Amino acid sequence: MSSSRLARGRLSVCGQIYAITTVVAGRKPLLAEPMNAEVVVQCIDEAERDGAVLNLAWVLMPDHLHWLFRLDRGDLAGCVGRLKSRSGRVIHQSINVQGAFWQAGYFDHALRDDDSVRRHARYIAANPLRAGLCRHVGEYRFGWCRWPL
C-alpha cells in the first residue's frame, strides 16, 4: 500500500491518543540488534521530553514498531516523521548503510476511550509473547507500558 493512501483521511488532533505501526524497510529484522533498538527507544523518549507526546506503550519487534501515545504538540505526521528520521539517520551512521531505514508511511489508529486505550496498550505489551520473543508479558527488553500488566 502506498504511503499516500495510508495518509488519506488522516486527522491530527492534539490531545488525541494514537496507535501507530511503522515497519523497517524491506521488513529486515534490524531492530533485533540491541544497539539499533536502543536508538529508537531514545527517540521515543526524546519525543516525550520535547513535549510532543505522552508515551503510553511501545514495543520494538525485530522488523517494526508499535507506539501508543497522546499527541500533545504538533501534528501526527511530524511527530512520527521526526522519530523515523532521527532514528534512521543515527542507525545508518552507526552501521554505515545508505538508503531508507524505515518504509515510507505508517499505519495509525485514533483511540477514543480509556478502555480501548488500555486494551490496546496490553495488546502492544503482549506482542513479544505472541511472537515467541519472551515467555512472560513484561519481560521483553524493548517494550514498555505505562500501566501494570
Foldseek 3Di string as FASTA:
>chain_A
DDQVVLCVPDDWDAQWKKKKKWWWVVLALCCVPVVLLVLLVVLVVVCVVVVQWAWAKKFDGSTMIITITGGHDDTDCVSVVSSQVRSQVVVCVVVVDDDGGIDPHIHMDTDDDPVVSVVVRQVRQCVCVVVVVDVDRPPDPGIDGPDDD
